[in-house]
């Protein structure tokens, strides 16, 4: 991992959280904690907010090639009120017209 590229993001005075996902398998919580603790070599601020962090660091483990990918999440498909997916979710619309129903 390139520490020089990560340090400016870590230096931001914002709360953060980790999101860990396995591709092709489920990662148990004990293993997720172990992965998060492995990032202790980086000088993250102590402003951790598990539920509503301003910055989300995403860790993806691909089971097929056994690679681990780390990055900053720039978009999410979670249904939160200020997201694109929430705004256009069919279940959230007050009226379903003929063009918005399933065939």
N, C-alpha and C. Protein backbone atom coordinates (compact mmCIF):
# COMPACT_ATOMS: atom_id res chain seq x y z
N UNK A 1 0.84 -1.17 0.00
CA UNK A 1 0.00 0.00 0.00
C UNK A 1 0.89 1.24 0.00
N UNK A 2 0.51 2.22 -0.76
CA UNK A 2 1.27 3.45 -0.87
C UNK A 2 0.88 4.40 0.27
N UNK A 3 1.73 4.49 1.28
CA UNK A 3 1.43 5.32 2.46
C UNK A 3 1.34 6.80 2.12
N UNK A 4 2.15 7.27 1.16
CA UNK A 4 2.16 8.69 0.81
C UNK A 4 0.81 9.15 0.26
N UNK A 5 0.13 8.27 -0.45
CA UNK A 5 -1.18 8.63 -1.01
C UNK A 5 -2.27 8.55 0.06
N UNK A 6 -2.07 7.73 1.06
CA UNK A 6 -3.08 7.56 2.10
C UNK A 6 -2.98 8.64 3.18
N UNK A 7 -1.79 9.13 3.46
CA UNK A 7 -1.59 10.09 4.56
C UNK A 7 -2.42 11.37 4.44
N UNK A 8 -2.58 11.99 3.25
CA UNK A 8 -3.43 13.19 3.20
C UNK A 8 -4.89 12.91 3.57
N UNK A 9 -5.39 11.75 3.25
CA UNK A 9 -6.78 11.40 3.59
C UNK A 9 -6.89 11.14 5.09
N UNK A 10 -5.89 10.46 5.64
CA UNK A 10 -5.89 10.17 7.08
C UNK A 10 -5.79 11.46 7.88
N UNK A 11 -5.06 12.45 7.34
CA UNK A 11 -4.85 13.70 8.06
C UNK A 11 -6.11 14.56 8.18
N UNK A 12 -7.14 14.27 7.37
CA UNK A 12 -8.39 15.03 7.47
C UNK A 12 -9.00 14.85 8.86
N UNK A 13 -9.54 15.92 9.39
CA UNK A 13 -10.11 15.88 10.74
C UNK A 13 -11.58 15.49 10.67
N UNK A 14 -11.83 14.24 10.23
CA UNK A 14 -13.20 13.76 10.08
C UNK A 14 -13.34 12.40 10.75
N UNK A 15 -14.57 12.05 11.08
CA UNK A 15 -14.82 10.72 11.64
C UNK A 15 -14.77 9.70 10.51
N UNK A 16 -14.47 8.46 10.86
CA UNK A 16 -14.37 7.43 9.83
C UNK A 16 -14.87 6.10 10.36
N UNK A 17 -15.07 5.18 9.42
CA UNK A 17 -15.45 3.82 9.76
C UNK A 17 -14.88 2.88 8.70
N UNK A 18 -14.82 1.61 9.03
CA UNK A 18 -14.38 0.58 8.09
C UNK A 18 -15.59 -0.23 7.66
N UNK A 19 -15.62 -0.60 6.39
CA UNK A 19 -16.65 -1.49 5.86
C UNK A 19 -15.91 -2.66 5.21
N UNK A 20 -16.13 -3.86 5.71
CA UNK A 20 -15.40 -5.03 5.22
C UNK A 20 -16.39 -5.99 4.57
N UNK A 21 -16.02 -6.46 3.38
CA UNK A 21 -16.90 -7.35 2.63
C UNK A 21 -16.08 -8.41 1.94
N UNK A 22 -16.59 -9.61 1.94
CA UNK A 22 -15.95 -10.70 1.23
C UNK A 22 -16.68 -10.98 -0.06
N UNK A 23 -15.93 -11.17 -1.13
CA UNK A 23 -16.52 -11.52 -2.42
C UNK A 23 -16.37 -13.02 -2.58
N UNK A 24 -17.49 -13.74 -2.59
CA UNK A 24 -17.44 -15.19 -2.70
C UNK A 24 -17.49 -15.91 -1.37
N UNK A 25 -17.46 -15.16 -0.28
CA UNK A 25 -17.59 -15.76 1.06
C UNK A 25 -17.95 -14.68 2.07
N UNK A 26 -18.47 -15.11 3.21
CA UNK A 26 -18.82 -14.19 4.27
C UNK A 26 -17.66 -14.13 5.26
N UNK A 27 -17.29 -12.93 5.67
CA UNK A 27 -16.20 -12.75 6.62
C UNK A 27 -16.82 -12.59 8.01
N UNK A 28 -16.45 -13.47 8.91
CA UNK A 28 -16.97 -13.44 10.27
C UNK A 28 -16.48 -12.21 11.02
N UNK A 29 -17.21 -11.81 12.07
CA UNK A 29 -16.89 -10.59 12.80
C UNK A 29 -15.50 -10.65 13.44
N UNK A 30 -15.11 -11.78 13.96
CA UNK A 30 -13.78 -11.90 14.59
C UNK A 30 -12.68 -11.64 13.56
N UNK A 31 -12.88 -12.13 12.35
CA UNK A 31 -11.90 -11.90 11.28
C UNK A 31 -11.93 -10.45 10.82
N UNK A 32 -13.10 -9.82 10.83
CA UNK A 32 -13.20 -8.41 10.47
C UNK A 32 -12.42 -7.55 11.46
N UNK A 33 -12.53 -7.85 12.73
CA UNK A 33 -11.79 -7.11 13.76
C UNK A 33 -10.29 -7.27 13.55
N UNK A 34 -9.87 -8.47 13.21
CA UNK A 34 -8.46 -8.74 12.95
C UNK A 34 -7.96 -7.92 11.75
N UNK A 35 -8.78 -7.80 10.71
CA UNK A 35 -8.42 -7.02 9.53
C UNK A 35 -8.32 -5.54 9.89
N UNK A 36 -9.27 -5.02 10.66
CA UNK A 36 -9.25 -3.62 11.06
C UNK A 36 -8.01 -3.32 11.91
N UNK A 37 -7.68 -4.22 12.83
CA UNK A 37 -6.51 -4.01 13.68
C UNK A 37 -5.21 -4.06 12.88
N UNK A 38 -5.21 -4.72 11.73
CA UNK A 38 -4.00 -4.77 10.91
C UNK A 38 -3.67 -3.40 10.30
N UNK A 39 -4.63 -2.48 10.28
CA UNK A 39 -4.38 -1.14 9.79
C UNK A 39 -3.83 -0.22 10.88
N UNK A 40 -3.45 -0.78 12.02
CA UNK A 40 -2.89 -0.02 13.12
C UNK A 40 -1.55 0.61 12.82
N UNK A 41 -0.88 0.18 11.76
CA UNK A 41 0.40 0.77 11.40
C UNK A 41 0.24 2.16 10.80
N UNK A 42 -0.98 2.52 10.41
CA UNK A 42 -1.25 3.84 9.84
C UNK A 42 -1.73 4.77 10.95
N UNK A 43 -1.37 6.04 10.87
CA UNK A 43 -1.75 6.98 11.95
C UNK A 43 -3.17 7.53 11.79
N UNK A 44 -4.17 6.65 11.84
CA UNK A 44 -5.56 7.10 11.79
C UNK A 44 -5.87 7.94 13.02
N UNK A 45 -6.74 8.93 12.85
CA UNK A 45 -7.18 9.71 14.01
C UNK A 45 -8.03 8.80 14.89
N UNK A 46 -8.29 9.23 16.07
CA UNK A 46 -9.06 8.43 17.02
C UNK A 46 -10.56 8.69 16.91
N UNK A 47 -10.99 9.34 15.83
CA UNK A 47 -12.40 9.69 15.66
C UNK A 47 -13.14 8.61 14.89
N UNK A 48 -13.36 7.48 15.52
CA UNK A 48 -14.07 6.38 14.88
C UNK A 48 -15.56 6.51 15.20
N UNK A 49 -16.39 6.42 14.17
CA UNK A 49 -17.84 6.43 14.33
C UNK A 49 -18.36 5.25 13.53
N UNK A 50 -18.68 4.16 14.22
CA UNK A 50 -19.03 2.90 13.58
C UNK A 50 -20.23 3.02 12.63
N UNK A 51 -21.24 3.80 13.00
CA UNK A 51 -22.46 3.86 12.20
C UNK A 51 -22.49 5.00 11.19
N UNK A 52 -22.02 6.18 11.57
CA UNK A 52 -22.19 7.35 10.70
C UNK A 52 -20.87 8.07 10.45
N UNK A 53 -19.81 7.34 10.15
CA UNK A 53 -18.53 7.97 9.86
C UNK A 53 -18.61 8.82 8.59
N UNK A 54 -17.91 9.95 8.59
CA UNK A 54 -17.92 10.82 7.42
C UNK A 54 -17.14 10.21 6.26
N UNK A 55 -16.09 9.45 6.58
CA UNK A 55 -15.30 8.76 5.58
C UNK A 55 -15.44 7.27 5.83
N UNK A 56 -15.68 6.51 4.76
CA UNK A 56 -15.76 5.06 4.87
C UNK A 56 -14.60 4.45 4.12
N UNK A 57 -13.81 3.67 4.84
CA UNK A 57 -12.73 2.92 4.20
C UNK A 57 -13.26 1.53 3.91
N UNK A 58 -13.15 1.11 2.66
CA UNK A 58 -13.72 -0.14 2.21
C UNK A 58 -12.62 -1.18 2.03
N UNK A 59 -12.84 -2.35 2.58
CA UNK A 59 -11.91 -3.46 2.43
C UNK A 59 -12.68 -4.60 1.77
N UNK A 60 -12.21 -5.03 0.59
CA UNK A 60 -12.84 -6.13 -0.14
C UNK A 60 -11.85 -7.27 -0.25
N UNK A 61 -12.28 -8.45 0.13
CA UNK A 61 -11.44 -9.63 -0.03
C UNK A 61 -12.06 -10.52 -1.08
N UNK A 62 -11.30 -10.76 -2.15
CA UNK A 62 -11.77 -11.61 -3.24
C UNK A 62 -11.34 -13.03 -2.96
N UNK A 63 -12.29 -13.92 -2.82
CA UNK A 63 -12.00 -15.30 -2.47
C UNK A 63 -11.35 -16.07 -3.62
N UNK A 64 -11.61 -15.66 -4.86
CA UNK A 64 -11.07 -16.39 -6.01
C UNK A 64 -9.57 -16.19 -6.18
N UNK A 65 -9.12 -14.93 -6.12
CA UNK A 65 -7.69 -14.68 -6.32
C UNK A 65 -6.96 -14.36 -5.01
N UNK A 66 -7.66 -14.42 -3.88
CA UNK A 66 -7.09 -14.20 -2.54
C UNK A 66 -6.40 -12.85 -2.42
N UNK A 67 -6.95 -11.84 -3.09
CA UNK A 67 -6.43 -10.48 -3.01
C UNK A 67 -7.32 -9.67 -2.08
N UNK A 68 -6.71 -8.72 -1.40
CA UNK A 68 -7.46 -7.80 -0.53
C UNK A 68 -7.31 -6.41 -1.11
N UNK A 69 -8.43 -5.74 -1.34
CA UNK A 69 -8.44 -4.41 -1.92
C UNK A 69 -8.88 -3.42 -0.86
N UNK A 70 -8.19 -2.29 -0.77
CA UNK A 70 -8.47 -1.28 0.23
C UNK A 70 -8.63 0.06 -0.47
N UNK A 71 -9.64 0.82 -0.08
CA UNK A 71 -9.84 2.14 -0.66
C UNK A 71 -10.87 2.93 0.10
N UNK A 72 -11.05 4.13 -0.35
CA UNK A 72 -12.03 5.01 0.25
C UNK A 72 -13.32 4.90 -0.53
N UNK A 73 -14.42 4.69 0.16
CA UNK A 73 -15.70 4.53 -0.51
C UNK A 73 -16.18 5.88 -1.02
N UNK A 74 -16.52 5.93 -2.30
CA UNK A 74 -16.99 7.18 -2.89
C UNK A 74 -18.50 7.16 -3.16
N UNK A 75 -19.10 5.98 -3.21
CA UNK A 75 -20.54 5.85 -3.42
C UNK A 75 -21.01 4.57 -2.75
N UNK A 76 -22.26 4.55 -2.38
CA UNK A 76 -22.81 3.39 -1.70
C UNK A 76 -24.20 3.11 -2.23
N UNK A 77 -24.61 1.85 -2.14
CA UNK A 77 -25.97 1.51 -2.57
C UNK A 77 -26.90 1.36 -1.37
N UNK A 78 -26.49 1.85 -0.23
CA UNK A 78 -27.32 1.79 0.97
C UNK A 78 -28.48 2.77 0.84
N UNK A 79 -29.63 2.42 1.36
CA UNK A 79 -30.81 3.28 1.27
C UNK A 79 -30.83 4.28 2.42
N UNK A 80 -30.08 5.34 2.27
CA UNK A 80 -30.09 6.44 3.22
C UNK A 80 -30.81 7.60 2.54
N UNK A 81 -31.41 8.47 3.32
CA UNK A 81 -32.30 9.48 2.75
C UNK A 81 -31.63 10.44 1.79
N UNK A 82 -30.34 10.65 1.89
CA UNK A 82 -29.69 11.62 1.01
C UNK A 82 -28.98 10.97 -0.17
N UNK A 83 -29.31 9.73 -0.49
CA UNK A 83 -28.63 9.04 -1.58
C UNK A 83 -29.52 8.95 -2.81
N UNK A 84 -28.90 8.73 -3.93
CA UNK A 84 -29.59 8.55 -5.21
C UNK A 84 -30.56 7.37 -5.15
N UNK A 85 -30.11 6.26 -4.54
CA UNK A 85 -30.92 5.05 -4.51
C UNK A 85 -32.19 5.24 -3.68
N UNK A 86 -32.11 5.99 -2.61
CA UNK A 86 -33.29 6.24 -1.79
C UNK A 86 -34.30 7.10 -2.56
N UNK A 87 -33.80 8.10 -3.24
CA UNK A 87 -34.68 9.02 -3.95
C UNK A 87 -35.49 8.32 -5.04
N UNK A 88 -34.87 7.35 -5.74
CA UNK A 88 -35.53 6.70 -6.86
C UNK A 88 -35.99 5.27 -6.56
N UNK A 89 -36.00 4.87 -5.31
CA UNK A 89 -36.46 3.54 -4.93
C UNK A 89 -37.98 3.47 -5.12
N UNK A 90 -38.46 2.44 -5.81
CA UNK A 90 -39.90 2.32 -6.08
C UNK A 90 -40.73 2.24 -4.80
N UNK A 91 -40.19 1.62 -3.77
CA UNK A 91 -40.95 1.47 -2.52
C UNK A 91 -41.12 2.81 -1.80
N UNK A 92 -40.29 3.79 -2.12
CA UNK A 92 -40.36 5.08 -1.44
C UNK A 92 -41.21 6.10 -2.19
N UNK A 93 -41.67 5.78 -3.41
CA UNK A 93 -42.44 6.73 -4.19
C UNK A 93 -43.88 6.80 -3.69
N UNK A 94 -44.44 8.01 -3.69
CA UNK A 94 -45.83 8.14 -3.24
C UNK A 94 -46.83 7.60 -4.25
N UNK A 95 -46.45 7.56 -5.54
CA UNK A 95 -47.36 7.10 -6.58
C UNK A 95 -46.58 6.26 -7.57
N UNK A 96 -47.11 5.10 -7.94
CA UNK A 96 -46.49 4.25 -8.94
C UNK A 96 -47.34 4.30 -10.20
N UNK A 97 -46.78 4.90 -11.24
CA UNK A 97 -47.50 4.99 -12.51
C UNK A 97 -47.20 3.81 -13.40
N UNK A 98 -47.79 3.77 -14.58
CA UNK A 98 -47.59 2.62 -15.49
C UNK A 98 -46.15 2.48 -15.96
N UNK A 99 -45.37 3.56 -15.96
CA UNK A 99 -43.99 3.43 -16.43
C UNK A 99 -43.03 2.99 -15.33
N UNK A 100 -43.48 2.97 -14.08
CA UNK A 100 -42.58 2.60 -12.99
C UNK A 100 -42.90 1.23 -12.38
N UNK A 101 -43.84 0.51 -12.96
CA UNK A 101 -44.18 -0.80 -12.39
C UNK A 101 -43.42 -1.91 -13.11
N UNK A 102 -43.30 -3.04 -12.45
CA UNK A 102 -42.63 -4.20 -13.05
C UNK A 102 -43.53 -4.81 -14.11
N UNK A 103 -42.91 -5.43 -15.13
CA UNK A 103 -43.72 -6.10 -16.14
C UNK A 103 -43.95 -7.54 -15.78
